[in-house]
Amino acid sequence: MYLFFRENVYVNKCQIKTINIINMSKKLVKSTSNAVFSGVCSGIAKYFNIDPTIIRLGFVVSFFFGLGSPGLIYLVMAFVMPKDDTYFY
């Protein structure tokens, strides 16, 4: 069985378990593979190539110390950020 993607690439589903379309530009997207609530923190961590735990701790610390409004920022990002285009079979 062959799958068709946006870049007109045909991939055999039986041979590849994880299909990740290589994109030349970096995009800030929600991660579906390492998500706890909605994948915002793991998406930010993937964008900056760091551990998602650091981003999650940063959100929690800023929430308790009242730096900005991290709860509102998280909710806005959860609705605005698109999901990633990684497919798992």
N, C-alpha and C. Protein backbone atom coordinates (compact mmCIF):
# COMPACT_ATOMS: atom_id res chain seq x y z
N MET A 1 0.84 -1.17 0.00
CA MET A 1 0.00 0.00 0.00
C MET A 1 0.89 1.23 0.00
N TYR A 2 0.60 2.17 -0.87
CA TYR A 2 1.39 3.38 -0.98
C TYR A 2 0.59 4.58 -0.48
N LEU A 3 1.31 5.50 0.15
CA LEU A 3 0.69 6.70 0.69
C LEU A 3 1.14 7.91 -0.13
N PHE A 4 0.29 8.89 -0.27
CA PHE A 4 0.59 10.09 -1.03
C PHE A 4 0.68 11.28 -0.07
N PHE A 5 1.76 12.06 -0.17
CA PHE A 5 1.95 13.21 0.69
C PHE A 5 1.97 14.48 -0.13
N ARG A 6 2.01 15.62 0.58
CA ARG A 6 1.96 16.93 -0.07
C ARG A 6 3.09 17.16 -1.06
N GLU A 7 4.27 16.65 -0.78
CA GLU A 7 5.42 16.89 -1.62
C GLU A 7 5.49 15.93 -2.81
N ASN A 8 4.39 15.25 -3.12
CA ASN A 8 4.31 14.28 -4.21
C ASN A 8 5.34 13.16 -4.07
N VAL A 9 5.51 12.67 -2.86
CA VAL A 9 6.43 11.58 -2.57
C VAL A 9 5.59 10.35 -2.25
N TYR A 10 5.91 9.24 -2.88
CA TYR A 10 5.21 7.99 -2.59
C TYR A 10 6.09 7.16 -1.67
N VAL A 11 5.50 6.70 -0.57
CA VAL A 11 6.24 5.94 0.43
C VAL A 11 5.51 4.64 0.67
N ASN A 12 6.26 3.56 0.75
CA ASN A 12 5.67 2.26 1.04
C ASN A 12 5.44 2.16 2.54
N LYS A 13 4.20 2.00 2.95
CA LYS A 13 3.83 1.97 4.36
C LYS A 13 4.42 0.76 5.09
N CYS A 14 4.63 -0.33 4.41
CA CYS A 14 5.13 -1.54 5.05
C CYS A 14 6.61 -1.45 5.40
N GLN A 15 7.38 -0.62 4.71
CA GLN A 15 8.82 -0.56 4.93
C GLN A 15 9.23 0.48 5.95
N ILE A 16 8.43 1.51 6.17
CA ILE A 16 8.82 2.61 7.04
C ILE A 16 7.82 2.73 8.17
N LYS A 17 8.32 2.75 9.42
CA LYS A 17 7.44 2.86 10.57
C LYS A 17 7.15 4.32 10.90
N THR A 18 8.15 5.16 10.87
CA THR A 18 7.96 6.57 11.17
C THR A 18 8.27 7.37 9.93
N ILE A 19 7.30 8.15 9.50
CA ILE A 19 7.48 8.97 8.32
C ILE A 19 7.50 10.42 8.76
N ASN A 20 8.60 11.09 8.50
CA ASN A 20 8.73 12.49 8.86
C ASN A 20 9.10 13.25 7.60
N ILE A 21 8.22 14.07 7.11
CA ILE A 21 8.48 14.85 5.92
C ILE A 21 9.54 15.89 6.27
N ILE A 22 10.65 15.88 5.54
CA ILE A 22 11.74 16.81 5.80
C ILE A 22 11.37 18.15 5.19
N ASN A 23 11.39 19.16 6.04
CA ASN A 23 11.06 20.50 5.60
C ASN A 23 12.29 21.37 5.79
N MET A 24 12.58 22.23 4.85
CA MET A 24 13.79 23.04 4.91
C MET A 24 13.68 24.16 5.95
N SER A 25 12.48 24.59 6.29
CA SER A 25 12.33 25.65 7.28
C SER A 25 11.84 25.07 8.60
N LYS A 26 12.28 25.70 9.70
CA LYS A 26 11.83 25.27 11.02
C LYS A 26 10.45 25.83 11.27
N LYS A 27 9.57 24.99 11.84
CA LYS A 27 8.22 25.43 12.15
C LYS A 27 7.94 25.15 13.62
N LEU A 28 7.25 26.06 14.26
CA LEU A 28 6.83 25.87 15.64
C LEU A 28 5.48 25.17 15.63
N VAL A 29 5.48 23.89 16.01
CA VAL A 29 4.27 23.08 15.99
C VAL A 29 4.12 22.34 17.31
N LYS A 30 2.88 21.93 17.61
CA LYS A 30 2.64 21.11 18.79
C LYS A 30 3.12 19.69 18.51
N SER A 31 3.82 19.12 19.46
CA SER A 31 4.31 17.75 19.30
C SER A 31 3.24 16.78 19.77
N THR A 32 2.94 15.81 18.93
CA THR A 32 1.96 14.79 19.33
C THR A 32 2.63 13.57 19.94
N SER A 33 3.94 13.45 19.76
CA SER A 33 4.63 12.26 20.26
C SER A 33 5.07 12.40 21.71
N ASN A 34 5.27 13.62 22.21
CA ASN A 34 5.77 13.82 23.57
C ASN A 34 4.87 14.81 24.31
N ALA A 35 3.59 14.73 24.10
CA ALA A 35 2.65 15.68 24.70
C ALA A 35 2.19 15.21 26.07
N VAL A 36 2.04 16.17 27.00
CA VAL A 36 1.45 15.87 28.29
C VAL A 36 0.01 16.36 28.29
N PHE A 37 -0.21 17.64 28.00
CA PHE A 37 -1.57 18.17 27.89
C PHE A 37 -1.94 18.37 26.43
N SER A 38 -1.30 19.33 25.80
CA SER A 38 -1.64 19.57 24.40
C SER A 38 -0.42 19.54 23.49
N GLY A 39 0.78 19.42 24.03
CA GLY A 39 1.98 19.33 23.22
C GLY A 39 2.67 20.65 22.97
N VAL A 40 2.25 21.71 23.65
CA VAL A 40 2.84 23.03 23.44
C VAL A 40 4.29 23.06 23.93
N CYS A 41 4.52 22.63 25.16
CA CYS A 41 5.88 22.68 25.72
C CYS A 41 6.84 21.77 24.96
N SER A 42 6.38 20.60 24.57
CA SER A 42 7.26 19.71 23.82
C SER A 42 7.50 20.24 22.41
N GLY A 43 6.55 20.95 21.85
CA GLY A 43 6.75 21.58 20.55
C GLY A 43 7.77 22.70 20.61
N ILE A 44 7.71 23.51 21.68
CA ILE A 44 8.69 24.57 21.87
C ILE A 44 10.07 23.97 22.09
N ALA A 45 10.15 22.91 22.88
CA ALA A 45 11.43 22.26 23.13
C ALA A 45 12.01 21.65 21.87
N LYS A 46 11.16 21.07 21.05
CA LYS A 46 11.63 20.50 19.78
C LYS A 46 12.15 21.60 18.85
N TYR A 47 11.51 22.76 18.86
CA TYR A 47 11.92 23.87 18.02
C TYR A 47 13.31 24.38 18.42
N PHE A 48 13.55 24.48 19.76
CA PHE A 48 14.84 24.97 20.24
C PHE A 48 15.84 23.85 20.51
N ASN A 49 15.45 22.60 20.25
CA ASN A 49 16.31 21.42 20.40
C ASN A 49 16.84 21.27 21.83
N ILE A 50 15.92 21.37 22.80
CA ILE A 50 16.26 21.15 24.21
C ILE A 50 15.26 20.18 24.81
N ASP A 51 15.49 19.80 26.06
CA ASP A 51 14.63 18.85 26.74
C ASP A 51 13.28 19.49 27.08
N PRO A 52 12.16 18.82 26.82
CA PRO A 52 10.85 19.41 27.13
C PRO A 52 10.62 19.66 28.61
N THR A 53 11.32 18.93 29.47
CA THR A 53 11.15 19.12 30.91
C THR A 53 11.58 20.52 31.33
N ILE A 54 12.60 21.06 30.68
CA ILE A 54 13.08 22.41 31.00
C ILE A 54 11.99 23.43 30.67
N ILE A 55 11.35 23.29 29.54
CA ILE A 55 10.27 24.21 29.16
C ILE A 55 9.09 24.07 30.11
N ARG A 56 8.74 22.84 30.46
CA ARG A 56 7.62 22.61 31.38
C ARG A 56 7.91 23.22 32.75
N LEU A 57 9.14 23.04 33.25
CA LEU A 57 9.51 23.64 34.53
C LEU A 57 9.48 25.16 34.45
N GLY A 58 9.90 25.70 33.32
CA GLY A 58 9.84 27.15 33.13
C GLY A 58 8.42 27.68 33.20
N PHE A 59 7.47 26.96 32.60
CA PHE A 59 6.06 27.37 32.66
C PHE A 59 5.55 27.29 34.10
N VAL A 60 5.91 26.23 34.83
CA VAL A 60 5.42 26.07 36.20
C VAL A 60 6.01 27.14 37.11
N VAL A 61 7.31 27.39 37.00
CA VAL A 61 7.96 28.41 37.84
C VAL A 61 7.39 29.79 37.53
N SER A 62 7.22 30.11 36.27
CA SER A 62 6.68 31.42 35.92
C SER A 62 5.21 31.55 36.35
N PHE A 63 4.50 30.45 36.41
CA PHE A 63 3.12 30.47 36.89
C PHE A 63 3.07 30.82 38.38
N PHE A 64 3.96 30.20 39.17
CA PHE A 64 3.95 30.45 40.61
C PHE A 64 4.53 31.81 40.98
N PHE A 65 5.49 32.30 40.22
CA PHE A 65 6.07 33.61 40.52
C PHE A 65 5.34 34.75 39.81
N GLY A 66 4.35 34.45 39.02
CA GLY A 66 3.54 35.47 38.38
C GLY A 66 4.25 36.27 37.31
N LEU A 67 5.16 35.65 36.60
CA LEU A 67 5.87 36.33 35.52
C LEU A 67 5.01 36.30 34.27
N GLY A 68 4.40 37.42 33.97
CA GLY A 68 3.48 37.45 32.84
C GLY A 68 2.21 36.70 33.19
N SER A 69 1.65 36.04 32.24
CA SER A 69 0.48 35.19 32.49
C SER A 69 0.68 33.89 31.71
N PRO A 70 1.47 32.96 32.25
CA PRO A 70 1.79 31.74 31.51
C PRO A 70 0.59 30.86 31.21
N GLY A 71 -0.42 30.89 32.07
CA GLY A 71 -1.62 30.09 31.80
C GLY A 71 -2.34 30.58 30.56
N LEU A 72 -2.47 31.88 30.43
CA LEU A 72 -3.11 32.47 29.25
C LEU A 72 -2.27 32.25 28.00
N ILE A 73 -0.96 32.40 28.14
CA ILE A 73 -0.05 32.18 27.00
C ILE A 73 -0.14 30.73 26.54
N TYR A 74 -0.16 29.79 27.48
CA TYR A 74 -0.25 28.37 27.14
C TYR A 74 -1.56 28.07 26.40
N LEU A 75 -2.67 28.61 26.90
CA LEU A 75 -3.97 28.36 26.25
C LEU A 75 -4.02 28.94 24.84
N VAL A 76 -3.49 30.15 24.68
CA VAL A 76 -3.48 30.75 23.34
C VAL A 76 -2.63 29.92 22.40
N MET A 77 -1.46 29.49 22.87
CA MET A 77 -0.58 28.68 22.03
C MET A 77 -1.20 27.32 21.72
N ALA A 78 -1.96 26.77 22.65
CA ALA A 78 -2.61 25.48 22.42
C ALA A 78 -3.64 25.56 21.31
N PHE A 79 -4.29 26.71 21.17
CA PHE A 79 -5.28 26.87 20.11
C PHE A 79 -4.68 27.35 18.80
N VAL A 80 -3.58 28.09 18.87
CA VAL A 80 -3.01 28.71 17.67
C VAL A 80 -1.99 27.81 16.97
N MET A 81 -1.16 27.09 17.73
CA MET A 81 -0.10 26.28 17.13
C MET A 81 -0.69 25.08 16.38
N PRO A 82 -0.21 24.82 15.17
CA PRO A 82 -0.68 23.63 14.44
C PRO A 82 0.00 22.36 14.96
N LYS A 83 -0.61 21.21 14.70
CA LYS A 83 0.01 19.93 15.07
C LYS A 83 1.11 19.59 14.08
N ASP A 84 2.03 18.76 14.52
CA ASP A 84 3.13 18.38 13.62
C ASP A 84 2.67 17.39 12.56
N ASP A 85 3.46 17.25 11.52
CA ASP A 85 3.12 16.36 10.39
C ASP A 85 3.85 15.03 10.48
N THR A 86 4.08 14.53 11.68
CA THR A 86 4.75 13.26 11.87
C THR A 86 3.69 12.17 11.95
N TYR A 87 3.88 11.14 11.17
CA TYR A 87 2.93 10.04 11.12
C TYR A 87 3.56 8.80 11.72
N PHE A 88 2.82 8.09 12.57
CA PHE A 88 3.31 6.87 13.21
C PHE A 88 2.44 5.72 12.77
N TYR A 89 3.09 4.62 12.36
CA TYR A 89 2.38 3.43 11.92
C TYR A 89 2.82 2.24 12.72
